[in-house]
Protein backbone atom coordinates (compact mmCIF):
# COMPACT_ATOMS: atom_id res chain seq x y z
CA MET A 1 -30.08 19.30 -13.56
CA PRO A 2 -28.83 16.46 -11.30
CA GLU A 3 -31.02 14.12 -13.35
CA VAL A 4 -28.81 14.95 -16.32
CA LEU A 5 -25.88 13.62 -14.32
CA LYS A 6 -27.80 10.45 -13.57
CA LYS A 7 -28.24 9.93 -17.30
CA ALA A 8 -24.54 10.66 -17.80
CA ALA A 9 -23.60 8.06 -15.18
CA LEU A 10 -25.64 5.38 -16.90
CA GLY A 11 -24.18 6.46 -20.23
CA LEU A 12 -20.69 5.93 -18.83
CA GLY A 13 -21.59 2.35 -18.00
CA CYS A 14 -22.51 2.62 -14.34
CA ALA A 15 -24.78 -0.18 -13.18
CA GLU A 16 -27.05 2.18 -11.26
CA ALA A 17 -27.21 5.82 -10.18
CA LYS A 18 -29.66 7.52 -7.83
CA VAL A 19 -29.95 11.21 -6.97
CA ILE A 20 -30.71 11.76 -3.28
CA PRO A 21 -30.77 14.63 -0.78
CA ALA A 22 -27.28 15.01 0.66
CA ASP A 23 -28.61 14.52 4.19
CA GLN A 24 -29.53 10.94 3.20
CA ILE A 25 -25.83 10.06 3.17
CA VAL A 26 -25.30 8.22 6.44
CA VAL A 27 -22.12 9.18 8.29
CA GLU A 28 -21.09 7.19 11.37
CA ASP A 29 -17.99 7.29 13.56
CA ARG A 30 -18.03 3.50 13.82
CA VAL A 31 -17.34 3.21 10.09
CA ARG A 32 -14.08 5.11 10.61
CA LEU A 33 -13.38 2.82 13.57
CA ARG A 34 -13.48 -0.19 11.25
CA CYS A 35 -10.90 1.53 9.08
CA MET A 36 -8.68 1.90 12.12
CA ILE A 37 -8.92 -1.64 13.46
CA GLY A 38 -10.03 -3.82 10.57
CA CYS A 39 -8.16 -2.65 7.47
CA PRO A 40 -4.46 -3.32 6.73
CA THR A 41 -4.30 -0.12 4.66
CA TYR A 42 -4.67 2.03 7.77
CA GLY A 43 -1.68 4.35 7.96
CA ARG A 44 -0.37 3.14 4.58
CA ASN A 45 -2.47 5.22 2.20
CA LEU A 46 -2.79 9.01 2.04
CA ARG A 47 -6.43 8.73 1.00
CA CYS A 48 -7.28 6.65 4.08
CA PRO A 49 -7.13 7.32 7.83
CA PRO A 50 -5.34 8.79 9.67
CA TYR A 51 -4.50 11.10 6.73
CA ALA A 52 -8.09 11.62 5.57
CA PRO A 53 -10.16 14.47 7.04
CA SER A 54 -11.92 13.62 10.28
CA VAL A 55 -15.50 12.37 10.34
CA ASP A 56 -16.59 15.59 12.04
CA SER A 57 -14.93 17.62 9.28
CA PHE A 58 -16.76 15.61 6.66
CA ARG A 59 -20.07 16.15 8.45
CA LYS A 60 -19.49 19.91 8.18
CA ILE A 61 -18.57 19.58 4.50
CA LEU A 62 -21.69 17.50 3.86
CA ASN A 63 -23.83 20.28 5.37
CA ASP A 64 -22.69 22.52 2.51
CA TYR A 65 -24.33 20.20 -0.03
CA SER A 66 -28.01 19.63 -0.67
CA VAL A 67 -27.88 17.07 -3.50
CA ALA A 68 -25.78 13.97 -4.01
CA MET A 69 -25.67 10.86 -6.14
CA VAL A 70 -25.12 7.25 -5.10
CA ILE A 71 -23.46 5.21 -7.84
CA ARG A 72 -22.81 1.54 -8.47
CA ILE A 73 -19.88 1.34 -10.84
CA LYS A 74 -19.83 -1.67 -13.11
CA PRO A 75 -16.44 -3.41 -13.00
CA PRO A 76 -14.80 -4.32 -16.31
CA GLU A 77 -15.30 -7.81 -17.62
CA ILE A 78 -13.02 -10.22 -15.76
CA SER A 79 -11.59 -12.94 -17.95
CA GLU A 80 -12.04 -16.58 -17.00
CA GLU A 81 -8.27 -16.85 -16.93
CA LEU A 82 -8.01 -14.11 -14.33
CA LEU A 83 -10.79 -15.55 -12.21
CA GLU A 84 -9.13 -18.97 -12.30
CA LYS A 85 -5.85 -17.35 -11.33
CA TYR A 86 -7.31 -15.82 -8.19
CA LYS A 87 -9.74 -18.43 -6.95
CA PRO A 88 -9.93 -18.69 -3.14
CA LYS A 89 -7.48 -21.59 -3.24
CA ASN A 90 -4.85 -18.96 -3.99
CA LYS A 91 -4.27 -17.74 -0.45
CA ASP A 92 -2.22 -14.78 -1.63
CA PHE A 93 -5.09 -12.80 -3.08
CA ARG A 94 -8.77 -12.41 -3.84
CA LEU A 95 -10.14 -9.88 -6.32
CA TRP A 96 -11.50 -6.72 -4.70
CA ASP A 97 -10.75 -7.87 -1.15
CA ARG A 98 -10.62 -4.73 0.95
CA TYR A 99 -8.90 -6.62 3.76
CA GLN A 100 -6.07 -7.84 1.55
CA ASP A 101 -2.78 -6.83 3.13
CA PRO A 102 -0.92 -4.78 0.47
CA VAL A 103 2.43 -5.92 1.88
CA THR A 104 1.77 -9.52 0.79
CA VAL A 105 0.59 -8.69 -2.73
CA THR A 106 3.08 -9.41 -5.49
CA SER A 107 3.70 -6.86 -8.27
CA THR A 108 2.05 -9.12 -10.86
CA ILE A 109 -1.10 -9.43 -8.79
CA TRP A 110 -1.02 -5.74 -8.05
CA ASN A 111 -0.93 -4.82 -11.73
CA ASP A 112 -4.03 -6.91 -12.44
CA TYR A 113 -5.89 -5.46 -9.49
CA SER A 114 -4.78 -1.87 -10.10
CA GLN A 115 -5.95 -1.89 -13.72
CA ILE A 116 -9.43 -2.94 -12.59
CA TYR A 117 -9.47 -0.13 -10.05
CA LYS A 118 -8.19 2.51 -12.49
CA SER A 119 -10.78 1.66 -15.13
CA MET A 120 -13.58 2.26 -12.62
CA LEU A 121 -11.97 5.36 -11.18
CA MET A 122 -11.82 6.94 -14.65
CA VAL A 123 -15.59 6.50 -14.97
CA LEU A 124 -16.04 8.32 -11.68
CA LEU A 125 -13.71 11.14 -12.71
CA GLU A 126 -15.55 11.55 -16.01
CA LEU A 127 -18.79 11.88 -14.07
CA GLU A 128 -17.20 14.48 -11.80
CA ARG A 129 -16.08 16.38 -14.91
CA ALA A 130 -19.60 16.17 -16.35
CA ALA A 131 -20.94 17.72 -13.16
CA PHE A 132 -18.46 20.57 -13.52
CA LYS A 133 -19.65 21.22 -17.07
CA GLN A 134 -23.27 21.27 -15.84
CA GLY A 135 -22.45 24.12 -13.48
CA TYR A 136 -21.45 22.25 -10.33
CA PRO A 137 -17.79 23.28 -9.85
CA LEU A 138 -17.63 21.86 -6.33
CA ALA A 139 -18.90 18.39 -7.23
CA THR A 140 -16.64 15.90 -5.47
CA ALA A 141 -16.52 12.12 -5.63
CA PHE A 142 -15.65 9.53 -3.00
CA PHE A 143 -14.90 5.98 -4.07
CA GLY A 144 -15.62 2.94 -1.91
CA GLY A 145 -12.40 1.24 -0.82
CA LYS A 146 -8.76 2.22 -0.74
CA CYS A 147 -7.00 4.19 -3.48
CA MET A 148 -4.97 1.88 -5.69
CA LEU A 149 -3.20 4.22 -8.08
CA CYS A 150 0.24 3.42 -6.64
CA GLU A 151 1.66 0.06 -5.63
CA LYS A 152 3.21 1.80 -2.64
CA CYS A 153 1.63 5.04 -1.51
CA ASN A 154 4.00 7.95 -0.90
CA VAL A 155 3.15 8.05 2.80
CA GLU A 156 6.74 8.72 3.83
CA GLY A 157 6.91 11.72 1.51
CA GLY A 158 3.55 12.92 2.80
CA VAL A 159 2.37 14.13 -0.63
CA CYS A 160 0.07 12.26 -3.03
CA LEU A 161 1.74 11.62 -6.39
CA TYR A 162 -1.60 11.79 -8.25
CA PRO A 163 -3.57 14.56 -6.51
CA LEU A 164 -5.77 15.24 -9.55
CA MET A 165 -6.86 11.60 -9.86
CA SER A 166 -6.89 10.13 -6.37
CA ARG A 167 -10.03 10.31 -4.26
CA TYR A 168 -10.68 9.66 -0.59
CA ALA A 169 -12.32 6.40 0.37
CA SER A 170 -15.98 6.81 1.32
CA GLU A 171 -15.39 4.72 4.42
CA ALA A 172 -12.53 7.01 5.47
CA MET A 173 -15.10 9.82 5.66
CA GLY A 174 -17.31 7.67 7.87
CA VAL A 175 -19.88 6.98 5.14
CA ASN A 176 -21.96 3.90 5.82
CA LEU A 177 -22.40 2.77 2.23
CA LEU A 178 -24.86 0.01 3.13
CA LYS A 179 -27.31 2.36 4.84
CA THR A 180 -26.77 5.08 2.25
CA ALA A 181 -27.52 2.62 -0.55
CA GLU A 182 -30.70 1.60 1.27
CA ASN A 183 -31.75 5.26 1.52
CA ALA A 184 -31.28 5.49 -2.24
CA GLY A 185 -33.34 2.34 -2.82
CA MET A 186 -30.29 0.39 -3.97
CA LYS A 187 -29.09 -3.03 -2.90
CA LEU A 188 -25.48 -3.44 -1.84
CA GLN A 189 -24.12 -6.98 -1.77
CA PHE A 190 -20.84 -8.14 -0.32
CA SER A 191 -18.64 -10.84 -1.80
CA ASN A 192 -18.19 -14.13 0.01
CA GLU A 193 -15.41 -16.65 0.44
CA ASP A 194 -16.66 -18.87 -2.39
CA ASP A 195 -16.90 -16.13 -4.99
CA PRO A 196 -13.75 -14.35 -6.22
CA THR A 197 -15.73 -12.12 -8.57
CA PRO A 198 -15.55 -8.43 -7.59
CA ILE A 199 -18.63 -6.91 -6.01
CA THR A 200 -20.11 -3.91 -7.75
CA PRO A 201 -18.22 -1.04 -6.10
CA MET A 202 -20.07 1.96 -4.70
CA ALA A 203 -19.25 5.64 -4.98
CA ILE A 204 -20.70 8.90 -3.70
CA LEU A 205 -20.83 12.13 -5.71
CA LEU A 206 -21.56 15.30 -3.78
CA ILE A 207 -23.12 17.57 -6.39
CA ASP A 208 -24.35 20.87 -4.99
């Protein structure tokens, strides 16, 4: 049955999807550490640390699953105009830069970036829904990188404004996406300073 979900993922436009045993998802405390000391979203997003479940809690959750899927979600086509707009010479922003400080991002830039994020998130949510229809009611997705549904997360209120749509960051759970991708036989590449094009984002779907 999970192979049906793999076909569904490719049908939704995902670049690649691999079904793996859930114990092949690599969880490391040091990944969470990088969230704490290397990401400006720390403490500013309810789907990121310190608001996300602990790494130990996620390890226990992962033990309840036997099958998972590793997904590379294909970003939407980025226009030449948009790429030119955000070339590295623009010090304010780079597309899909996880270290971009959200405080310095203008609303115009945010809207461009958020639309890219939302289009990919909808693919992931459709795949989660497909899993539900296939008899996996506890299928749960984790998207690589911070949630970008809101320009300013409702951290002060303490309640997510989009609880049905938002998903925890894989890294917040301690998932080492690089090693997990390798276990799935997939290649994960990171962007560099000379290339503003978004990398192909990764996601994890816990199936059953």
